[in-house]
Protein backbone atom coordinates (compact mmCIF):
# COMPACT_ATOMS: atom_id res chain seq x y z
CA MET A 1 -68.54 6.60 196.10
CA VAL A 2 -72.19 5.24 195.06
CA THR A 3 -73.77 5.82 192.03
CA CYS A 4 -76.67 5.08 191.10
CA PRO A 5 -76.95 2.47 188.01
CA ALA A 6 -78.14 3.77 184.18
CA ALA A 7 -81.51 2.56 182.56
CA PRO A 8 -80.48 -1.53 181.19
CA GLY A 9 -79.55 -1.28 177.83
CA SER A 10 -78.67 2.14 177.67
CA GLY A 11 -75.44 3.11 176.19
CA GLU A 12 -74.06 4.32 179.33
CA GLU A 13 -75.10 1.58 180.39
CA ARG A 14 -72.92 -0.61 177.16
CA ARG A 15 -69.61 2.06 178.44
CA SER A 16 -69.01 1.55 181.99
CA THR A 17 -69.45 -2.33 181.30
CA THR A 18 -66.62 -1.36 178.69
CA GLU A 19 -64.68 -0.15 180.87
CA GLU A 20 -64.21 -2.33 184.09
CA ARG A 21 -63.18 -5.51 181.76
CA SER A 22 -60.92 -3.06 180.56
CA LEU A 23 -59.47 -1.90 184.01
CA PRO A 24 -55.90 -4.50 185.31
CA SER A 25 -57.18 -6.36 187.95
CA VAL A 26 -56.61 -5.49 191.52
CA PRO A 27 -56.41 -7.25 194.85
CA SER A 28 -59.96 -8.09 196.47
CA ALA A 29 -59.30 -5.42 199.33
CA VAL A 30 -59.36 -1.90 196.80
CA ARG A 31 -61.44 -1.58 195.11
CA MET A 32 -61.71 1.08 191.96
CA GLY A 33 -63.48 3.94 191.94
CA PRO A 34 -64.26 6.90 189.62
CA MET A 35 -61.76 7.92 187.59
CA GLY A 36 -59.59 5.04 188.27
CA LYS A 37 -58.31 6.41 191.97
CA GLN A 38 -58.90 3.03 194.94
CA SER A 39 -60.47 3.80 197.32
CA PRO A 40 -60.53 0.95 200.47
CA SER A 41 -63.32 -1.59 200.05
CA PRO A 42 -65.21 -2.09 203.46
CA LEU A 43 -64.07 -4.44 205.41
CA PRO A 44 -66.67 -7.33 207.27
CA VAL A 45 -66.95 -6.35 210.68
CA PRO A 46 -67.94 -8.42 213.04
CA THR A 47 -71.26 -8.89 214.95
CA GLY A 48 -72.76 -10.03 218.67
CA GLY A 49 -71.21 -11.92 220.09
CA SER A 50 -68.25 -12.24 217.79
CA TYR A 51 -67.84 -8.77 218.39
CA LEU A 52 -67.47 -8.99 221.81
CA LEU A 53 -65.68 -12.33 221.95
CA LEU A 54 -62.95 -10.33 219.97
CA LEU A 55 -62.93 -7.51 221.95
CA PHE A 56 -61.97 -9.77 224.93
CA CYS A 57 -59.64 -11.60 223.12
CA LEU A 58 -57.79 -8.35 222.48
CA ARG A 59 -57.66 -6.93 225.68
CA LEU A 60 -56.72 -9.99 227.43
CA GLY A 61 -53.70 -10.74 225.08
CA THR A 62 -52.56 -6.94 224.30
CA SER A 63 -53.48 -5.98 227.90
CA CYS A 64 -50.60 -4.53 230.03
CA PRO A 65 -51.27 -3.84 234.01
CA GLN A 66 -50.77 -0.37 234.85
CA GLY A 67 -48.11 1.65 236.02
CA CYS A 68 -45.68 -1.96 234.33
CA GLN A 69 -44.10 -2.43 230.60
CA CYS A 70 -44.97 -4.90 228.53
CA PRO A 71 -42.45 -4.64 225.66
CA ASP A 72 -43.03 -7.20 222.85
CA HIS A 73 -40.62 -9.47 220.98
CA ALA A 74 -41.91 -11.15 218.33
CA GLY A 75 -44.88 -12.11 219.77
CA ALA A 76 -44.02 -12.60 222.92
CA VAL A 77 -44.38 -10.96 225.57
CA ALA A 78 -41.99 -9.20 229.54
CA VAL A 79 -44.03 -8.17 231.99
CA HIS A 80 -42.28 -5.64 234.06
CA CYS A 81 -43.60 -4.92 237.74
CA SER A 82 -40.74 -4.53 239.69
CA ALA A 83 -40.80 -2.04 242.35
CA ARG A 84 -44.24 -0.68 241.44
CA ASP A 85 -45.56 -1.14 245.48
CA LEU A 86 -48.50 -3.11 244.40
CA GLN A 87 -49.65 -5.00 247.01
CA GLU A 88 -51.46 -8.05 245.03
CA ILE A 89 -50.92 -9.69 242.05
CA PRO A 90 -52.24 -7.82 239.10
CA LYS A 91 -54.84 -9.20 237.11
CA ASP A 92 -55.06 -7.89 233.40
CA ILE A 93 -51.73 -9.41 233.03
CA PRO A 94 -51.36 -10.42 228.93
CA ALA A 95 -51.86 -13.97 227.79
CA ASN A 96 -49.14 -14.06 225.88
CA ALA A 97 -46.39 -13.25 228.50
CA VAL A 98 -43.17 -15.47 228.89
CA LEU A 99 -41.55 -13.31 231.47
CA LEU A 100 -43.16 -11.80 234.38
CA LYS A 101 -41.33 -9.98 237.42
CA LEU A 102 -43.37 -8.62 240.53
CA ASP A 103 -40.23 -8.70 242.74
CA ALA A 104 -39.14 -5.46 244.99
CA ASN A 105 -43.32 -5.29 245.66
CA LYS A 106 -45.70 -5.20 249.10
CA ILE A 107 -47.27 -8.27 247.71
CA ALA A 108 -48.30 -10.53 250.86
CA ARG A 109 -50.43 -14.01 249.57
CA VAL A 110 -50.76 -15.72 246.28
CA PRO A 111 -54.55 -16.51 246.06
CA ASN A 112 -55.16 -19.88 243.93
CA GLY A 113 -55.59 -19.43 240.52
CA ALA A 114 -53.73 -16.19 240.36
CA PHE A 115 -51.76 -17.97 237.05
CA GLN A 116 -53.80 -19.74 235.77
CA HIS A 117 -54.42 -17.97 232.33
CA LEU A 118 -50.63 -17.81 231.03
CA SER A 119 -49.74 -21.30 229.93
CA GLN A 120 -47.01 -19.23 227.88
CA LEU A 121 -45.34 -18.53 231.07
CA ARG A 122 -41.73 -19.51 231.05
CA GLU A 123 -40.69 -17.38 234.37
CA LEU A 124 -42.38 -15.54 237.54
CA ASP A 125 -39.72 -13.66 239.81
CA LEU A 126 -42.31 -12.76 243.38
CA SER A 127 -38.79 -12.23 245.14
CA GLN A 128 -38.25 -9.72 247.60
CA ASN A 129 -42.35 -9.03 248.72
CA ALA A 130 -43.75 -10.10 252.06
CA ILE A 131 -45.82 -13.29 250.88
CA GLU A 132 -46.72 -15.27 253.88
CA THR A 133 -49.60 -17.13 252.50
CA ILE A 134 -49.71 -19.45 249.42
CA GLY A 135 -52.42 -21.18 247.74
CA PRO A 136 -53.21 -24.68 247.13
CA ALA A 137 -53.43 -24.14 243.73
CA ALA A 138 -52.05 -20.43 242.85
CA PHE A 139 -49.83 -21.65 240.58
CA SER A 140 -51.81 -24.78 238.68
CA GLY A 141 -52.20 -23.87 235.47
CA LEU A 142 -47.54 -23.33 234.65
CA ALA A 143 -47.06 -27.25 235.28
CA GLY A 144 -46.22 -27.24 231.90
CA GLY A 145 -44.44 -24.22 230.76
CA LEU A 146 -42.86 -22.48 233.82
CA ARG A 147 -39.17 -23.54 234.09
CA LEU A 148 -38.07 -20.67 236.84
CA LEU A 149 -39.95 -19.43 240.00
CA ASP A 150 -38.01 -17.25 242.08
CA LEU A 151 -39.91 -17.25 245.70
CA SER A 152 -36.53 -16.01 247.87
CA HIS A 153 -36.46 -12.81 250.22
CA ASN A 154 -40.20 -13.55 251.24
CA HIS A 155 -41.80 -14.54 254.88
CA ILE A 156 -42.78 -17.89 253.75
CA ARG A 157 -42.69 -20.20 257.01
CA ARG A 158 -45.29 -23.30 255.57
CA ILE A 159 -45.29 -25.07 252.10
CA PRO A 160 -48.23 -26.32 250.81
CA LYS A 161 -47.10 -29.72 249.34
CA ASP A 162 -49.89 -29.52 247.06
CA ALA A 163 -48.59 -25.53 245.45
CA LEU A 164 -45.35 -26.34 243.98
CA GLY A 165 -45.74 -30.24 243.89
CA LYS A 166 -46.52 -30.37 240.38
CA LEU A 167 -44.06 -28.07 239.21
CA SER A 168 -41.30 -28.69 236.16
CA ALA A 169 -39.53 -25.55 237.18
CA LYS A 170 -36.35 -24.53 239.26
CA VAL A 171 -37.39 -23.16 242.43
CA ARG A 172 -35.54 -20.44 244.69
CA LEU A 173 -36.55 -20.29 248.48
CA SER A 174 -33.20 -18.70 250.42
CA HIS A 175 -34.02 -16.01 252.62
CA ASN A 176 -37.40 -17.18 254.02
CA PRO A 177 -38.53 -17.98 257.97
CA LEU A 178 -39.01 -21.82 257.18
CA HIS A 179 -40.05 -23.99 259.75
CA CYS A 180 -37.80 -27.09 258.85
CA GLU A 181 -40.62 -29.71 259.90
CA CYS A 182 -42.51 -32.72 258.29
CA ALA A 183 -44.32 -31.77 255.73
CA LEU A 184 -41.71 -28.88 254.44
CA GLN A 185 -39.66 -31.45 253.84
CA GLU A 186 -41.68 -33.58 251.47
CA ALA A 187 -42.86 -30.68 250.36
CA LEU A 188 -39.16 -30.06 249.50
CA TRP A 189 -38.76 -33.84 248.56
CA GLU A 190 -40.81 -33.13 244.89
CA LEU A 191 -39.27 -29.79 244.25
CA ARG A 192 -36.61 -28.78 241.93
CA LEU A 193 -34.14 -26.78 244.16
CA ASP A 194 -31.94 -24.10 242.43
CA PRO A 195 -28.38 -24.83 242.77
CA ASP A 196 -27.08 -21.63 242.63
CA SER A 197 -29.17 -20.15 246.14
CA VAL A 198 -29.19 -24.30 247.83
CA ASP A 199 -27.04 -23.32 249.92
CA ASP A 200 -29.22 -20.21 251.69
CA ILE A 201 -31.99 -21.90 252.80
CA ALA A 202 -31.91 -22.61 256.47
CA CYS A 203 -33.89 -23.77 259.70
CA HIS A 204 -35.90 -20.05 260.91
CA THR A 205 -37.52 -22.37 263.57
CA SER A 206 -37.11 -26.18 263.88
CA VAL A 207 -39.26 -29.26 265.31
CA ARG A 208 -35.13 -30.35 266.58
CA GLU A 209 -33.51 -27.25 267.98
CA GLU A 210 -29.92 -28.10 266.79
CA TYR A 211 -30.89 -27.39 263.38
CA VAL A 212 -31.83 -23.96 264.17
CA GLY A 213 -30.51 -21.74 261.75
CA LYS A 214 -28.91 -24.15 259.86
CA PRO A 215 -28.85 -25.06 256.14
CA LEU A 216 -31.37 -27.26 255.60
CA VAL A 217 -30.43 -29.47 252.61
CA GLN A 218 -27.21 -30.03 254.17
CA ALA A 219 -28.69 -31.81 256.99
CA LEU A 220 -31.16 -33.58 254.23
CA ASP A 221 -28.94 -35.25 252.46
CA ALA A 222 -27.20 -36.19 256.17
CA GLY A 223 -30.13 -38.62 256.75
CA VAL A 224 -32.10 -35.83 258.94
CA SER A 225 -35.75 -36.98 259.33
CA PHE A 226 -37.94 -34.64 260.62
CA CYS A 227 -40.51 -36.41 260.19
CA SER A 228 -39.72 -39.05 262.48
CA VAL A 229 -39.43 -36.46 265.87
CA GLN A 230 -43.31 -35.93 264.72
CA HIS A 231 -44.04 -39.83 264.70
CA LYS A 232 -42.44 -40.04 267.85
CA THR A 233 -44.00 -36.93 269.90
CA THR A 234 -47.08 -38.67 268.51
CA ASP A 235 -45.66 -41.87 269.58
CA VAL A 236 -45.59 -39.82 273.14
CA ALA A 237 -48.73 -38.65 272.34
CA MET A 238 -50.71 -42.29 272.15
CA LEU A 239 -49.14 -43.45 275.10
CA VAL A 240 -50.32 -40.82 277.57
CA THR A 241 -53.13 -40.76 276.11
CA MET A 242 -53.90 -44.41 276.78
CA PHE A 243 -52.32 -44.00 280.77
CA GLY A 244 -54.56 -41.25 280.93
CA TRP A 245 -57.37 -43.54 280.46
CA PHE A 246 -56.20 -46.84 282.10
CA ALA A 247 -55.25 -44.53 285.08
CA MET A 248 -59.44 -43.26 285.20
CA VAL A 249 -60.71 -47.01 284.91
CA ILE A 250 -58.86 -48.20 287.97
CA ALA A 251 -59.74 -45.33 289.87
CA TYR A 252 -63.34 -46.31 288.84
CA VAL A 253 -62.94 -50.23 290.03
CA VAL A 254 -60.91 -49.13 293.28
CA TYR A 255 -64.80 -46.26 293.91
CA TYR A 256 -66.87 -48.68 293.40
CA VAL A 257 -64.86 -51.46 294.93
CA ARG A 258 -64.86 -48.69 298.25
CA HIS A 259 -68.35 -47.96 297.71
CA ASN A 260 -69.49 -51.48 297.93
CA GLN A 261 -67.48 -51.90 301.02
CA GLU A 262 -69.78 -48.79 302.73
CA ASP A 263 -72.87 -50.03 301.98
CA ALA A 264 -72.39 -53.24 303.16
CA ARG A 265 -70.49 -52.35 306.28
CA ARG A 266 -74.18 -49.53 307.07
CA HIS A 267 -76.26 -53.04 306.50
CA LEU A 268 -73.80 -55.36 308.52
CA GLU A 269 -74.33 -52.36 310.95
CA TYR A 270 -77.63 -52.20 310.65
CA LEU A 271 -78.81 -55.91 311.15
CA LYS A 272 -76.69 -55.50 314.91
CA SER A 273 -78.28 -52.57 315.90
CA LEU A 274 -82.01 -54.67 315.60
CA PRO A 275 -83.21 -55.97 318.63
CA SER A 276 -83.18 -59.25 319.23
CA THR A 277 -86.65 -61.20 320.62
CA PRO A 278 -87.20 -63.99 322.34
CA GLU A 279 -87.42 -67.44 321.38
CA ALA A 280 -91.56 -68.91 319.70
CA LYS A 281 -92.17 -71.97 322.53
CA ASP A 282 -94.16 -75.01 320.12
CA PRO A 283 -97.81 -75.72 321.54
CA LEU A 284 -97.50 -78.94 320.74
CA SER A 285 -94.35 -79.98 322.04
CA PRO A 286 -94.98 -81.47 326.66
CA ALA A 287 -94.99 -79.65 329.67
CA PRO A 288 -91.84 -79.73 331.47
CA ALA A 289 -93.32 -82.43 334.51
CA CYS A 290 -94.17 -80.57 337.99
CA ARG A 291 -91.71 -82.45 340.57
């Protein structure tokens, strides 16, 4: 309530001053109104850029994807988006999420930077989707804190080496139609596979047909190298290419020799076909003697 101040020096002003001194102290967020009633003091309102920044931070930290549930436990948010018919990863996931369940949806790809703002995330469940493609920087920003990444029961055939190489989390890759090749073997060397599901990682297709349908880790533990097959294939291809070039050079040399022989033969026949001319007499030679 706003009141007009009394004229300076008046008795009313002196009485109000005395009353204010006799009042007990109150918190700064509360001021005294008339008749001794407490009225809240106006809170400071951010203006300009700080107001927009505050709105952005509040939205980023407390929003929840549509159709999902985001229970908050002591400031740690668990985002449950299981079986919501999602076809892509939501973009409005709270920044303070520690658990994100996106399982049993229809997600087909994990793009680069999909989780880069989720630095507090500890567990990410992407199982039972239709994931076929994983970007090289799909899990950037999660290397330090992520503890479990579930990619099981998807349609993954190939894994980019840079996509999972920097993660310290346990990774589940079981029940995927993996193509066992050198690139996959090199990617697995840098992963911490979940021991509870590692035996369910099998070769759906392979550069070595004898390992199709067999557990991948058992083959690797036995010393099998899919990279040696690639090296042998490369060596064979190089030999075939070199042989082809060598055959072309030989063919060119043979053609060149035969072509020159044909030209030489034609030139010789031409010389033979020329008419022979009588031998010219020397005018200074003596005439034959008459008998």
